[in-house]
Amino acid sequence: MAAKKSNRLKLELEYPLRSSANILYQYISTPSGLQSWFADHVEVAAGAKYKFKWEDGTESKAVMVRNVTNKYVKFNMEGSPSPNEYLEFRIDQDDITGDVELIITEFVNDGEEEMAASIWDAAIDALCNTIGA
């Protein structure tokens, strides 16, 4: 394996949710859905260019590069240290039990995994409150 060029780590978090894949998909793939739990304001231009804004003044730009209905959404984030970095929301549904999980993958600086996980925990709490899960 090649040496790391930066101290960035792939972070994958799994959240079991009481929701159907169809409903959950609406919240990870549409501007209004993302705005209800992920960012305070979401703008879309040219169909795939997203701008996420938060109340603290931070903002991120991304391009939706992959979108599979009721399965997952993948964004390439502008300004990432590596072109291989992305943000992905993936829905996993157990064929037998029907249980649904939201799996979030992003890249963070080494040492910031715990902080990033706590931010995602809070966002998922907001998502659960929104969808009643």
N, C-alpha and C. Protein backbone atom coordinates (compact mmCIF):
# COMPACT_ATOMS: atom_id res chain seq x y z
N MET A 1 0.84 -1.19 0.00
CA MET A 1 0.00 0.00 0.00
C MET A 1 0.88 1.25 0.00
N ALA A 2 0.52 2.23 -0.76
CA ALA A 2 1.31 3.46 -0.86
C ALA A 2 1.20 4.27 0.43
N ALA A 3 2.21 5.06 0.69
CA ALA A 3 2.20 5.91 1.88
C ALA A 3 1.11 6.96 1.75
N LYS A 4 0.53 7.31 2.91
CA LYS A 4 -0.51 8.32 2.91
C LYS A 4 0.09 9.69 2.62
N LYS A 5 -0.56 10.45 1.77
CA LYS A 5 -0.10 11.79 1.45
C LYS A 5 -0.61 12.81 2.46
N SER A 6 -1.69 12.48 3.14
CA SER A 6 -2.23 13.38 4.16
C SER A 6 -2.72 12.54 5.32
N ASN A 7 -3.07 13.21 6.39
CA ASN A 7 -3.55 12.51 7.57
C ASN A 7 -5.08 12.46 7.56
N ARG A 8 -5.64 11.99 6.46
CA ARG A 8 -7.09 11.89 6.32
C ARG A 8 -7.49 10.43 6.46
N LEU A 9 -8.60 10.22 7.13
CA LEU A 9 -9.09 8.86 7.37
C LEU A 9 -10.51 8.72 6.86
N LYS A 10 -10.82 7.53 6.37
CA LYS A 10 -12.19 7.23 5.94
C LYS A 10 -12.98 6.85 7.20
N LEU A 11 -14.07 7.55 7.41
CA LEU A 11 -14.93 7.33 8.57
C LEU A 11 -16.25 6.77 8.07
N GLU A 12 -16.65 5.61 8.59
CA GLU A 12 -17.91 5.00 8.20
C GLU A 12 -18.74 4.78 9.46
N LEU A 13 -19.93 5.36 9.48
CA LEU A 13 -20.82 5.28 10.64
C LEU A 13 -22.13 4.62 10.22
N GLU A 14 -22.63 3.73 11.07
CA GLU A 14 -23.87 3.01 10.78
C GLU A 14 -24.93 3.37 11.81
N TYR A 15 -26.12 3.71 11.32
CA TYR A 15 -27.23 4.09 12.18
C TYR A 15 -28.47 3.28 11.82
N PRO A 16 -28.93 2.39 12.72
CA PRO A 16 -30.19 1.70 12.47
C PRO A 16 -31.35 2.70 12.62
N LEU A 17 -32.28 2.66 11.68
CA LEU A 17 -33.41 3.60 11.71
C LEU A 17 -34.71 2.86 11.49
N ARG A 18 -35.74 3.30 12.19
CA ARG A 18 -37.07 2.74 11.96
C ARG A 18 -37.74 3.57 10.86
N SER A 19 -37.46 3.20 9.64
CA SER A 19 -37.98 3.92 8.48
C SER A 19 -37.93 2.99 7.29
N SER A 20 -38.74 3.28 6.30
CA SER A 20 -38.62 2.51 5.06
C SER A 20 -37.48 3.11 4.24
N ALA A 21 -36.90 2.30 3.38
CA ALA A 21 -35.82 2.78 2.51
C ALA A 21 -36.33 3.92 1.62
N ASN A 22 -37.57 3.81 1.16
CA ASN A 22 -38.16 4.82 0.29
C ASN A 22 -38.25 6.18 0.98
N ILE A 23 -38.74 6.19 2.21
CA ILE A 23 -38.87 7.46 2.95
C ILE A 23 -37.48 8.02 3.26
N LEU A 24 -36.59 7.17 3.75
CA LEU A 24 -35.25 7.61 4.10
C LEU A 24 -34.53 8.20 2.89
N TYR A 25 -34.72 7.59 1.75
CA TYR A 25 -34.07 8.05 0.52
C TYR A 25 -34.44 9.51 0.21
N GLN A 26 -35.69 9.89 0.47
CA GLN A 26 -36.13 11.26 0.22
C GLN A 26 -35.33 12.26 1.06
N TYR A 27 -34.90 11.82 2.25
CA TYR A 27 -34.17 12.71 3.16
C TYR A 27 -32.67 12.78 2.87
N ILE A 28 -32.15 11.87 2.08
CA ILE A 28 -30.72 11.91 1.75
C ILE A 28 -30.47 12.37 0.31
N SER A 29 -31.52 12.50 -0.48
CA SER A 29 -31.32 12.77 -1.91
C SER A 29 -31.95 14.06 -2.42
N THR A 30 -32.80 14.69 -1.63
CA THR A 30 -33.46 15.91 -2.11
C THR A 30 -33.00 17.11 -1.29
N PRO A 31 -32.98 18.30 -1.90
CA PRO A 31 -32.58 19.49 -1.14
C PRO A 31 -33.45 19.71 0.11
N SER A 32 -34.76 19.57 -0.03
CA SER A 32 -35.62 19.79 1.13
C SER A 32 -35.40 18.73 2.20
N GLY A 33 -35.15 17.49 1.77
CA GLY A 33 -34.87 16.43 2.73
C GLY A 33 -33.57 16.67 3.47
N LEU A 34 -32.52 17.01 2.75
CA LEU A 34 -31.22 17.29 3.37
C LEU A 34 -31.29 18.51 4.29
N GLN A 35 -32.09 19.49 3.89
CA GLN A 35 -32.23 20.71 4.68
C GLN A 35 -32.96 20.44 5.99
N SER A 36 -33.74 19.38 6.07
CA SER A 36 -34.49 19.09 7.29
C SER A 36 -33.63 18.48 8.40
N TRP A 37 -32.41 18.02 8.05
CA TRP A 37 -31.60 17.39 9.10
C TRP A 37 -30.09 17.58 8.94
N PHE A 38 -29.61 17.76 7.71
CA PHE A 38 -28.17 17.76 7.46
C PHE A 38 -27.58 19.17 7.48
N ALA A 39 -28.16 20.08 6.75
CA ALA A 39 -27.67 21.46 6.67
C ALA A 39 -28.83 22.42 6.87
N ASP A 40 -28.52 23.63 7.30
CA ASP A 40 -29.57 24.61 7.54
C ASP A 40 -30.18 25.15 6.25
N HIS A 41 -29.37 25.16 5.19
CA HIS A 41 -29.87 25.62 3.90
C HIS A 41 -29.16 24.83 2.79
N VAL A 42 -29.93 24.36 1.83
CA VAL A 42 -29.37 23.58 0.73
C VAL A 42 -29.84 24.20 -0.58
N GLU A 43 -28.87 24.53 -1.43
CA GLU A 43 -29.17 25.06 -2.76
C GLU A 43 -28.66 24.07 -3.81
N VAL A 44 -29.39 23.98 -4.92
CA VAL A 44 -28.95 23.11 -6.00
C VAL A 44 -28.93 23.92 -7.29
N ALA A 45 -27.84 23.78 -8.03
CA ALA A 45 -27.72 24.45 -9.33
C ALA A 45 -27.34 23.40 -10.37
N ALA A 46 -27.83 23.55 -11.56
CA ALA A 46 -27.50 22.67 -12.68
C ALA A 46 -27.75 21.20 -12.36
N GLY A 47 -28.72 20.95 -11.49
CA GLY A 47 -29.14 19.57 -11.23
C GLY A 47 -28.28 18.76 -10.29
N ALA A 48 -26.96 18.98 -10.27
CA ALA A 48 -26.11 18.12 -9.45
C ALA A 48 -25.15 18.89 -8.55
N LYS A 49 -25.11 20.22 -8.68
CA LYS A 49 -24.19 21.02 -7.86
C LYS A 49 -24.94 21.52 -6.62
N TYR A 50 -24.46 21.07 -5.47
CA TYR A 50 -25.11 21.41 -4.21
C TYR A 50 -24.26 22.38 -3.41
N LYS A 51 -24.94 23.26 -2.68
CA LYS A 51 -24.27 24.13 -1.72
C LYS A 51 -24.99 23.93 -0.39
N PHE A 52 -24.22 23.50 0.61
CA PHE A 52 -24.75 23.28 1.95
C PHE A 52 -24.28 24.43 2.84
N LYS A 53 -25.22 25.04 3.56
CA LYS A 53 -24.89 26.14 4.47
C LYS A 53 -25.41 25.82 5.86
N TRP A 54 -24.61 26.24 6.86
CA TRP A 54 -25.01 26.05 8.24
C TRP A 54 -25.11 27.39 8.94
N GLU A 55 -25.86 27.42 10.06
CA GLU A 55 -26.11 28.67 10.78
C GLU A 55 -24.84 29.34 11.27
N ASP A 56 -23.78 28.56 11.51
CA ASP A 56 -22.53 29.15 12.00
C ASP A 56 -21.73 29.84 10.89
N GLY A 57 -22.28 29.87 9.68
CA GLY A 57 -21.63 30.57 8.58
C GLY A 57 -20.79 29.67 7.68
N THR A 58 -20.58 28.43 8.08
CA THR A 58 -19.80 27.53 7.23
C THR A 58 -20.64 27.06 6.05
N GLU A 59 -19.95 26.75 4.99
CA GLU A 59 -20.65 26.20 3.84
C GLU A 59 -19.72 25.24 3.10
N SER A 60 -20.33 24.30 2.43
CA SER A 60 -19.61 23.32 1.61
C SER A 60 -20.30 23.21 0.27
N LYS A 61 -19.49 22.99 -0.76
CA LYS A 61 -20.04 22.76 -2.09
C LYS A 61 -19.71 21.33 -2.49
N ALA A 62 -20.64 20.73 -3.20
CA ALA A 62 -20.47 19.33 -3.60
C ALA A 62 -21.18 19.08 -4.92
N VAL A 63 -20.75 18.02 -5.57
CA VAL A 63 -21.41 17.56 -6.79
C VAL A 63 -21.94 16.16 -6.52
N MET A 64 -23.24 15.96 -6.79
CA MET A 64 -23.80 14.62 -6.65
C MET A 64 -23.30 13.80 -7.84
N VAL A 65 -22.48 12.80 -7.56
CA VAL A 65 -21.88 12.01 -8.63
C VAL A 65 -22.53 10.66 -8.82
N ARG A 66 -23.31 10.22 -7.86
CA ARG A 66 -23.98 8.93 -7.97
C ARG A 66 -25.26 8.98 -7.17
N ASN A 67 -26.29 8.39 -7.71
CA ASN A 67 -27.60 8.44 -7.08
C ASN A 67 -28.36 7.20 -7.52
N VAL A 68 -28.62 6.28 -6.61
CA VAL A 68 -29.38 5.08 -6.92
C VAL A 68 -30.62 5.08 -6.03
N THR A 69 -31.78 5.16 -6.64
CA THR A 69 -33.04 5.28 -5.91
C THR A 69 -33.17 4.23 -4.82
N ASN A 70 -33.49 4.71 -3.62
CA ASN A 70 -33.70 3.91 -2.41
C ASN A 70 -32.46 3.14 -1.95
N LYS A 71 -31.28 3.48 -2.49
CA LYS A 71 -30.03 2.78 -2.12
C LYS A 71 -28.96 3.73 -1.58
N TYR A 72 -28.53 4.70 -2.41
CA TYR A 72 -27.51 5.61 -1.92
C TYR A 72 -27.35 6.85 -2.77
N VAL A 73 -26.65 7.81 -2.14
CA VAL A 73 -26.31 9.07 -2.78
C VAL A 73 -24.84 9.34 -2.45
N LYS A 74 -24.08 9.76 -3.46
CA LYS A 74 -22.66 10.02 -3.26
C LYS A 74 -22.33 11.41 -3.79
N PHE A 75 -21.62 12.18 -2.96
CA PHE A 75 -21.21 13.53 -3.31
C PHE A 75 -19.69 13.61 -3.33
N ASN A 76 -19.13 14.29 -4.33
CA ASN A 76 -17.72 14.70 -4.30
C ASN A 76 -17.71 16.10 -3.73
N MET A 77 -16.96 16.28 -2.65
CA MET A 77 -16.92 17.56 -1.97
C MET A 77 -15.83 18.44 -2.58
N GLU A 78 -16.20 19.67 -2.93
CA GLU A 78 -15.22 20.63 -3.46
C GLU A 78 -14.22 20.98 -2.37
N GLY A 79 -12.96 21.13 -2.76
CA GLY A 79 -11.95 21.55 -1.81
C GLY A 79 -11.38 20.44 -0.96
N SER A 80 -11.74 19.19 -1.24
CA SER A 80 -11.17 18.07 -0.49
C SER A 80 -9.69 17.93 -0.82
N PRO A 81 -8.89 17.53 0.17
CA PRO A 81 -7.46 17.36 -0.08
C PRO A 81 -7.14 16.30 -1.13
N SER A 82 -8.05 15.36 -1.32
CA SER A 82 -7.83 14.29 -2.30
C SER A 82 -9.04 14.15 -3.20
N PRO A 83 -8.83 13.94 -4.50
CA PRO A 83 -9.97 13.76 -5.41
C PRO A 83 -10.70 12.44 -5.15
N ASN A 84 -10.11 11.56 -4.34
CA ASN A 84 -10.75 10.28 -4.02
C ASN A 84 -11.68 10.36 -2.82
N GLU A 85 -11.78 11.53 -2.20
CA GLU A 85 -12.64 11.69 -1.02
C GLU A 85 -14.07 11.99 -1.45
N TYR A 86 -15.02 11.56 -0.63
CA TYR A 86 -16.43 11.75 -0.94
C TYR A 86 -17.25 11.71 0.34
N LEU A 87 -18.50 12.07 0.20
CA LEU A 87 -19.50 11.92 1.26
C LEU A 87 -20.58 11.02 0.68
N GLU A 88 -20.89 9.95 1.39
CA GLU A 88 -21.87 9.00 0.88
C GLU A 88 -22.90 8.68 1.95
N PHE A 89 -24.16 8.66 1.54
CA PHE A 89 -25.26 8.19 2.37
C PHE A 89 -25.77 6.91 1.72
N ARG A 90 -25.64 5.79 2.41
CA ARG A 90 -26.06 4.50 1.85
C ARG A 90 -27.12 3.87 2.73
N ILE A 91 -28.17 3.38 2.10
CA ILE A 91 -29.25 2.71 2.81
C ILE A 91 -29.06 1.21 2.65
N ASP A 92 -29.00 0.52 3.77
CA ASP A 92 -28.84 -0.94 3.75
C ASP A 92 -30.08 -1.54 4.40
N GLN A 93 -30.75 -2.42 3.68
CA GLN A 93 -31.96 -3.05 4.22
C GLN A 93 -31.75 -4.55 4.26
N ASP A 94 -31.94 -5.13 5.44
CA ASP A 94 -31.80 -6.57 5.62
C ASP A 94 -32.93 -7.28 4.88
N ASP A 95 -32.58 -8.23 4.02
CA ASP A 95 -33.59 -8.94 3.22
C ASP A 95 -34.55 -9.75 4.07
N ILE A 96 -34.09 -10.25 5.19
CA ILE A 96 -34.93 -11.12 6.03
C ILE A 96 -35.76 -10.32 7.02
N THR A 97 -35.10 -9.45 7.81
CA THR A 97 -35.81 -8.72 8.86
C THR A 97 -36.46 -7.43 8.36
N GLY A 98 -35.94 -6.89 7.25
CA GLY A 98 -36.45 -5.61 6.76
C GLY A 98 -35.86 -4.42 7.48
N ASP A 99 -34.97 -4.66 8.46
CA ASP A 99 -34.34 -3.57 9.21
C ASP A 99 -33.57 -2.67 8.25
N VAL A 100 -33.63 -1.36 8.52
CA VAL A 100 -32.98 -0.37 7.66
C VAL A 100 -31.87 0.33 8.44
N GLU A 101 -30.73 0.48 7.79
CA GLU A 101 -29.60 1.20 8.35
C GLU A 101 -29.17 2.28 7.39
N LEU A 102 -28.78 3.42 7.94
CA LEU A 102 -28.17 4.47 7.14
C LEU A 102 -26.68 4.42 7.44
N ILE A 103 -25.88 4.25 6.39
CA ILE A 103 -24.43 4.17 6.54
C ILE A 103 -23.85 5.44 5.91
N ILE A 104 -23.13 6.20 6.72
CA ILE A 104 -22.55 7.46 6.27
C ILE A 104 -21.04 7.27 6.16
N THR A 105 -20.49 7.63 5.01
CA THR A 105 -19.05 7.55 4.80
C THR A 105 -18.55 8.95 4.45
N GLU A 106 -17.52 9.38 5.16
CA GLU A 106 -16.86 10.66 4.85
C GLU A 106 -15.39 10.54 5.23
N PHE A 107 -14.62 11.56 4.88
CA PHE A 107 -13.20 11.57 5.19
C PHE A 107 -12.92 12.72 6.14
N VAL A 108 -12.13 12.42 7.19
CA VAL A 108 -11.85 13.41 8.23
C VAL A 108 -10.35 13.43 8.51
N ASN A 109 -9.91 14.50 9.15
CA ASN A 109 -8.51 14.59 9.56
C ASN A 109 -8.24 13.60 10.68
N ASP A 110 -7.05 13.04 10.69
CA ASP A 110 -6.63 12.13 11.74
C ASP A 110 -6.79 12.82 13.09
N GLY A 111 -7.44 12.16 14.04
CA GLY A 111 -7.65 12.74 15.36
C GLY A 111 -9.00 13.42 15.51
N GLU A 112 -9.74 13.59 14.40
CA GLU A 112 -11.04 14.27 14.46
C GLU A 112 -12.21 13.29 14.31
N GLU A 113 -11.92 12.00 14.38
CA GLU A 113 -12.98 11.00 14.18
C GLU A 113 -14.09 11.12 15.23
N GLU A 114 -13.70 11.29 16.49
CA GLU A 114 -14.69 11.36 17.57
C GLU A 114 -15.58 12.59 17.43
N MET A 115 -14.98 13.73 17.11
CA MET A 115 -15.75 14.95 16.93
C MET A 115 -16.71 14.81 15.74
N ALA A 116 -16.21 14.26 14.63
CA ALA A 116 -17.06 14.07 13.46
C ALA A 116 -18.22 13.12 13.78
N ALA A 117 -17.93 12.05 14.52
CA ALA A 117 -18.98 11.08 14.88
C ALA A 117 -20.04 11.75 15.75
N SER A 118 -19.64 12.62 16.67
CA SER A 118 -20.64 13.27 17.53
C SER A 118 -21.49 14.26 16.73
N ILE A 119 -20.90 14.89 15.72
CA ILE A 119 -21.68 15.79 14.85
C ILE A 119 -22.71 14.96 14.07
N TRP A 120 -22.29 13.81 13.54
CA TRP A 120 -23.21 12.95 12.81
C TRP A 120 -24.29 12.40 13.74
N ASP A 121 -23.93 12.06 14.98
CA ASP A 121 -24.92 11.57 15.94
C ASP A 121 -26.03 12.60 16.14
N ALA A 122 -25.64 13.87 16.27
CA ALA A 122 -26.62 14.94 16.45
C ALA A 122 -27.48 15.10 15.19
N ALA A 123 -26.85 15.00 14.02
CA ALA A 123 -27.61 15.12 12.77
C ALA A 123 -28.60 13.96 12.63
N ILE A 124 -28.19 12.76 13.00
CA ILE A 124 -29.08 11.60 12.91
C ILE A 124 -30.22 11.73 13.91
N ASP A 125 -29.95 12.31 15.09
CA ASP A 125 -31.04 12.57 16.04
C ASP A 125 -32.07 13.50 15.41
N ALA A 126 -31.59 14.53 14.71
CA ALA A 126 -32.51 15.46 14.03
C ALA A 126 -33.29 14.73 12.93
N LEU A 127 -32.60 13.85 12.20
CA LEU A 127 -33.27 13.07 11.15
C LEU A 127 -34.36 12.18 11.76
N CYS A 128 -34.03 11.51 12.85
CA CYS A 128 -35.01 10.63 13.51
C CYS A 128 -36.22 11.42 13.98
N ASN A 129 -36.00 12.60 14.54
CA ASN A 129 -37.11 13.44 14.98
C ASN A 129 -37.97 13.87 13.80
N THR A 130 -37.33 14.17 12.68
CA THR A 130 -38.03 14.62 11.49
C THR A 130 -38.90 13.53 10.89
N ILE A 131 -38.36 12.31 10.81
CA ILE A 131 -39.11 11.23 10.16
C ILE A 131 -39.89 10.37 11.16
N GLY A 132 -39.74 10.68 12.45
CA GLY A 132 -40.47 9.93 13.47
C GLY A 132 -39.93 8.53 13.66
N ALA A 133 -38.64 8.35 13.45
CA ALA A 133 -38.03 7.01 13.57
C ALA A 133 -37.57 6.76 14.99
